[in-house]
């Protein structure tokens, strides 16, 4: 894993369990359009995405 990957993973972990800015749903790590992302489990909006 490269330094960039480690930094992204750390950021993703920090954002997980935060609240969605659009619908107040919970944020989880996952995939958005085949890329790594932290997204809302209720509305599916990505809070952060890396590609």
PDB file of N, CA and C in Angstrom:
ATOM      1  N   UNK A   1       0.853  -1.184   0.000  1.00  0.00           N
ATOM      2  CA  UNK A   1       0.000   0.000   0.000  1.00  0.00           C
ATOM      3  C   UNK A   1       0.893   1.241   0.000  1.00  0.00           C
ATOM      4  N   UNK A   2       0.633   2.169  -0.877  1.00  0.00           N
ATOM      5  CA  UNK A   2       1.438   3.384  -0.965  1.00  0.00           C
ATOM      6  C   UNK A   2       1.034   4.390   0.111  1.00  0.00           C
ATOM      7  N   UNK A   3       1.829   5.443   0.248  1.00  0.00           N
ATOM      8  CA  UNK A   3       1.529   6.496   1.220  1.00  0.00           C
ATOM      9  C   UNK A   3       0.180   7.137   0.924  1.00  0.00           C
ATOM     10  N   UNK A   4      -0.109   7.381  -0.354  1.00  0.00           N
ATOM     11  CA  UNK A   4      -1.385   7.981  -0.735  1.00  0.00           C
ATOM     12  C   UNK A   4      -2.532   7.074  -0.332  1.00  0.00           C
ATOM     13  N   UNK A   5      -2.390   5.782  -0.567  1.00  0.00           N
ATOM     14  CA  UNK A   5      -3.443   4.846  -0.195  1.00  0.00           C
ATOM     15  C   UNK A   5      -3.675   4.850   1.314  1.00  0.00           C
ATOM     16  N   UNK A   6      -2.587   4.893   2.093  1.00  0.00           N
ATOM     17  CA  UNK A   6      -2.702   4.928   3.546  1.00  0.00           C
ATOM     18  C   UNK A   6      -3.406   6.194   4.008  1.00  0.00           C
ATOM     19  N   UNK A   7      -3.058   7.327   3.400  1.00  0.00           N
ATOM     20  CA  UNK A   7      -3.683   8.597   3.765  1.00  0.00           C
ATOM     21  C   UNK A   7      -5.166   8.584   3.425  1.00  0.00           C
ATOM     22  N   UNK A   8      -5.511   8.042   2.279  1.00  0.00           N
ATOM     23  CA  UNK A   8      -6.924   7.967   1.885  1.00  0.00           C
ATOM     24  C   UNK A   8      -7.691   7.062   2.834  1.00  0.00           C
ATOM     25  N   UNK A   9      -7.121   5.922   3.164  1.00  0.00           N
ATOM     26  CA  UNK A   9      -7.789   4.998   4.074  1.00  0.00           C
ATOM     27  C   UNK A   9      -8.020   5.649   5.436  1.00  0.00           C
ATOM     28  N   UNK A  10      -7.023   6.380   5.938  1.00  0.00           N
ATOM     29  CA  UNK A  10      -7.174   7.055   7.223  1.00  0.00           C
ATOM     30  C   UNK A  10      -8.297   8.091   7.163  1.00  0.00           C
ATOM     31  N   UNK A  11      -8.352   8.858   6.085  1.00  0.00           N
ATOM     32  CA  UNK A  11      -9.412   9.850   5.913  1.00  0.00           C
ATOM     33  C   UNK A  11     -10.774   9.172   5.845  1.00  0.00           C
ATOM     34  N   UNK A  12     -10.873   8.080   5.091  1.00  0.00           N
ATOM     35  CA  UNK A  12     -12.129   7.339   4.985  1.00  0.00           C
ATOM     36  C   UNK A  12     -12.580   6.865   6.366  1.00  0.00           C
ATOM     37  N   UNK A  13     -11.642   6.319   7.146  1.00  0.00           N
ATOM     38  CA  UNK A  13     -11.994   5.823   8.479  1.00  0.00           C
ATOM     39  C   UNK A  13     -12.460   6.951   9.393  1.00  0.00           C
ATOM     40  N   UNK A  14     -11.861   8.118   9.264  1.00  0.00           N
ATOM     41  CA  UNK A  14     -12.285   9.273  10.076  1.00  0.00           C
ATOM     42  C   UNK A  14     -13.696   9.719   9.729  1.00  0.00           C
ATOM     43  N   UNK A  15     -14.054   9.628   8.455  1.00  0.00           N
ATOM     44  CA  UNK A  15     -15.374  10.095   8.011  1.00  0.00           C
ATOM     45  C   UNK A  15     -16.468   9.079   8.262  1.00  0.00           C
ATOM     46  N   UNK A  16     -16.102   7.806   8.341  1.00  0.00           N
ATOM     47  CA  UNK A  16     -17.108   6.772   8.569  1.00  0.00           C
ATOM     48  C   UNK A  16     -17.819   7.056   9.888  1.00  0.00           C
ATOM     49  N   UNK A  17     -19.091   6.842   9.921  1.00  0.00           N
ATOM     50  CA  UNK A  17     -19.964   7.090  11.075  1.00  0.00           C
ATOM     51  C   UNK A  17     -20.330   8.557  11.248  1.00  0.00           C
ATOM     52  N   UNK A  18     -19.867   9.450  10.348  1.00  0.00           N
ATOM     53  CA  UNK A  18     -20.333  10.831  10.358  1.00  0.00           C
ATOM     54  C   UNK A  18     -21.736  10.872   9.767  1.00  0.00           C
ATOM     55  N   UNK A  19     -22.290  12.059   9.661  1.00  0.00           N
ATOM     56  CA  UNK A  19     -23.647  12.241   9.148  1.00  0.00           C
ATOM     57  C   UNK A  19     -23.623  12.865   7.766  1.00  0.00           C
ATOM     58  N   UNK A  20     -24.489  12.402   6.887  1.00  0.00           N
ATOM     59  CA  UNK A  20     -24.628  12.924   5.528  1.00  0.00           C
ATOM     60  C   UNK A  20     -25.088  14.387   5.576  1.00  0.00           C
ATOM     61  N   UNK A  21     -24.466  15.221   4.764  1.00  0.00           N
ATOM     62  CA  UNK A  21     -24.825  16.638   4.704  1.00  0.00           C
ATOM     63  C   UNK A  21     -26.161  16.866   3.994  1.00  0.00           C
ATOM     64  N   UNK A  22     -26.643  15.877   3.249  1.00  0.00           N
ATOM     65  CA  UNK A  22     -27.865  16.051   2.472  1.00  0.00           C
ATOM     66  C   UNK A  22     -29.114  15.507   3.154  1.00  0.00           C
ATOM     67  N   UNK A  23     -28.966  14.359   3.859  1.00  0.00           N
ATOM     68  CA  UNK A  23     -30.191  13.749   4.408  1.00  0.00           C
ATOM     69  C   UNK A  23     -30.061  13.327   5.868  1.00  0.00           C
ATOM     70  N   UNK A  24     -28.917  13.591   6.485  1.00  0.00           N
ATOM     71  CA  UNK A  24     -28.663  13.227   7.881  1.00  0.00           C
ATOM     72  C   UNK A  24     -28.521  11.717   8.102  1.00  0.00           C
ATOM     73  N   UNK A  25     -28.361  10.935   7.023  1.00  0.00           N
ATOM     74  CA  UNK A  25     -28.109   9.494   7.151  1.00  0.00           C
ATOM     75  C   UNK A  25     -26.669   9.251   7.586  1.00  0.00           C
ATOM     76  N   UNK A  26     -26.347   8.013   7.898  1.00  0.00           N
ATOM     77  CA  UNK A  26     -24.996   7.660   8.331  1.00  0.00           C
ATOM     78  C   UNK A  26     -24.071   7.392   7.153  1.00  0.00           C
ATOM     79  N   UNK A  27     -22.789   7.739   7.319  1.00  0.00           N
ATOM     80  CA  UNK A  27     -21.794   7.510   6.274  1.00  0.00           C
ATOM     81  C   UNK A  27     -21.058   6.201   6.530  1.00  0.00           C
ATOM     82  N   UNK A  28     -20.799   5.459   5.453  1.00  0.00           N
ATOM     83  CA  UNK A  28     -20.086   4.190   5.519  1.00  0.00           C
ATOM     84  C   UNK A  28     -19.087   4.106   4.372  1.00  0.00           C
ATOM     85  N   UNK A  29     -18.029   3.308   4.538  1.00  0.00           N
ATOM     86  CA  UNK A  29     -17.089   3.065   3.445  1.00  0.00           C
ATOM     87  C   UNK A  29     -17.732   2.102   2.459  1.00  0.00           C
ATOM     88  N   UNK A  30     -17.475   2.341   1.173  1.00  0.00           N
ATOM     89  CA  UNK A  30     -18.019   1.467   0.153  1.00  0.00           C
ATOM     90  C   UNK A  30     -17.527   1.844  -1.224  1.00  0.00           C
ATOM     91  N   UNK A  31     -18.310   1.519  -2.233  1.00  0.00           N
ATOM     92  CA  UNK A  31     -17.982   1.790  -3.628  1.00  0.00           C
ATOM     93  C   UNK A  31     -19.015   2.750  -4.211  1.00  0.00           C
ATOM     94  N   UNK A  32     -18.547   3.695  -5.019  1.00  0.00           N
ATOM     95  CA  UNK A  32     -19.435   4.590  -5.755  1.00  0.00           C
ATOM     96  C   UNK A  32     -18.928   4.629  -7.187  1.00  0.00           C
ATOM     97  N   UNK A  33     -19.730   4.157  -8.115  1.00  0.00           N
ATOM     98  CA  UNK A  33     -19.345   4.089  -9.530  1.00  0.00           C
ATOM     99  C   UNK A  33     -17.969   3.438  -9.690  1.00  0.00           C
ATOM    100  N   UNK A  34     -17.798   2.297  -9.054  1.00  0.00           N
ATOM    101  CA  UNK A  34     -16.579   1.480  -9.139  1.00  0.00           C
ATOM    102  C   UNK A  34     -15.323   2.144  -8.569  1.00  0.00           C
ATOM    103  N   UNK A  35     -15.475   3.109  -7.660  1.00  0.00           N
ATOM    104  CA  UNK A  35     -14.327   3.710  -6.989  1.00  0.00           C
ATOM    105  C   UNK A  35     -14.551   3.688  -5.476  1.00  0.00           C
ATOM    106  N   UNK A  36     -13.463   3.739  -4.725  1.00  0.00           N
ATOM    107  CA  UNK A  36     -13.556   3.763  -3.268  1.00  0.00           C
ATOM    108  C   UNK A  36     -14.208   5.072  -2.828  1.00  0.00           C
ATOM    109  N   UNK A  37     -15.085   4.979  -1.825  1.00  0.00           N
ATOM    110  CA  UNK A  37     -15.807   6.169  -1.377  1.00  0.00           C
ATOM    111  C   UNK A  37     -16.311   5.991   0.049  1.00  0.00           C
ATOM    112  N   UNK A  38     -16.638   7.106   0.671  1.00  0.00           N
ATOM    113  CA  UNK A  38     -17.442   7.118   1.881  1.00  0.00           C
ATOM    114  C   UNK A  38     -18.765   7.711   1.428  1.00  0.00           C
ATOM    115  N   UNK A  39     -19.848   6.951   1.602  1.00  0.00           N
ATOM    116  CA  UNK A  39     -21.132   7.411   1.101  1.00  0.00           C
ATOM    117  C   UNK A  39     -22.229   7.187   2.120  1.00  0.00           C
ATOM    118  N   UNK A  40     -23.338   7.870   1.897  1.00  0.00           N
ATOM    119  CA  UNK A  40     -24.483   7.778   2.789  1.00  0.00           C
ATOM    120  C   UNK A  40     -25.190   6.452   2.566  1.00  0.00           C
ATOM    121  N   UNK A  41     -25.452   5.735   3.652  1.00  0.00           N
ATOM    122  CA  UNK A  41     -26.141   4.461   3.517  1.00  0.00           C
ATOM    123  C   UNK A  41     -27.630   4.645   3.238  1.00  0.00           C
ATOM    124  N   UNK A  42     -28.160   5.849   3.444  1.00  0.00           N
ATOM    125  CA  UNK A  42     -29.578   6.106   3.178  1.00  0.00           C
ATOM    126  C   UNK A  42     -29.818   6.617   1.761  1.00  0.00           C
ATOM    127  N   UNK A  43     -29.115   7.681   1.352  1.00  0.00           N
ATOM    128  CA  UNK A  43     -29.384   8.285   0.040  1.00  0.00           C
ATOM    129  C   UNK A  43     -28.341   7.943  -1.022  1.00  0.00           C
ATOM    130  N   UNK A  44     -27.195   7.354  -0.616  1.00  0.00           N
ATOM    131  CA  UNK A  44     -26.167   6.953  -1.575  1.00  0.00           C
ATOM    132  C   UNK A  44     -25.253   8.059  -2.063  1.00  0.00           C
ATOM    133  N   UNK A  45     -25.396   9.266  -1.542  1.00  0.00           N
ATOM    134  CA  UNK A  45     -24.551  10.388  -1.949  1.00  0.00           C
ATOM    135  C   UNK A  45     -23.143  10.218  -1.378  1.00  0.00           C
ATOM    136  N   UNK A  46     -22.103  10.315  -2.225  1.00  0.00           N
ATOM    137  CA  UNK A  46     -20.742  10.192  -1.698  1.00  0.00           C
ATOM    138  C   UNK A  46     -20.315  11.466  -0.952  1.00  0.00           C
ATOM    139  N   UNK A  47     -19.670  11.283   0.183  1.00  0.00           N
ATOM    140  CA  UNK A  47     -19.108  12.414   0.929  1.00  0.00           C
ATOM    141  C   UNK A  47     -17.678  12.654   0.480  1.00  0.00           C
ATOM    142  N   UNK A  48     -16.992  11.582   0.112  1.00  0.00           N
ATOM    143  CA  UNK A  48     -15.628  11.655  -0.415  1.00  0.00           C
ATOM    144  C   UNK A  48     -15.431  10.454  -1.323  1.00  0.00           C
ATOM    145  N   UNK A  49     -14.643  10.668  -2.379  1.00  0.00           N
ATOM    146  CA  UNK A  49     -14.432   9.621  -3.384  1.00  0.00           C
ATOM    147  C   UNK A  49     -13.026   9.752  -3.940  1.00  0.00           C
ATOM    148  N   UNK A  50     -12.365   8.626  -4.154  1.00  0.00           N
ATOM    149  CA  UNK A  50     -11.013   8.627  -4.709  1.00  0.00           C
ATOM    150  C   UNK A  50     -11.008   7.805  -5.979  1.00  0.00           C
ATOM    151  N   UNK A  51     -10.474   8.407  -7.066  1.00  0.00           N
ATOM    152  CA  UNK A  51     -10.347   7.666  -8.325  1.00  0.00           C
ATOM    153  C   UNK A  51      -9.072   8.029  -9.012  1.00  0.00           C
TER     154      UNK A  51
END
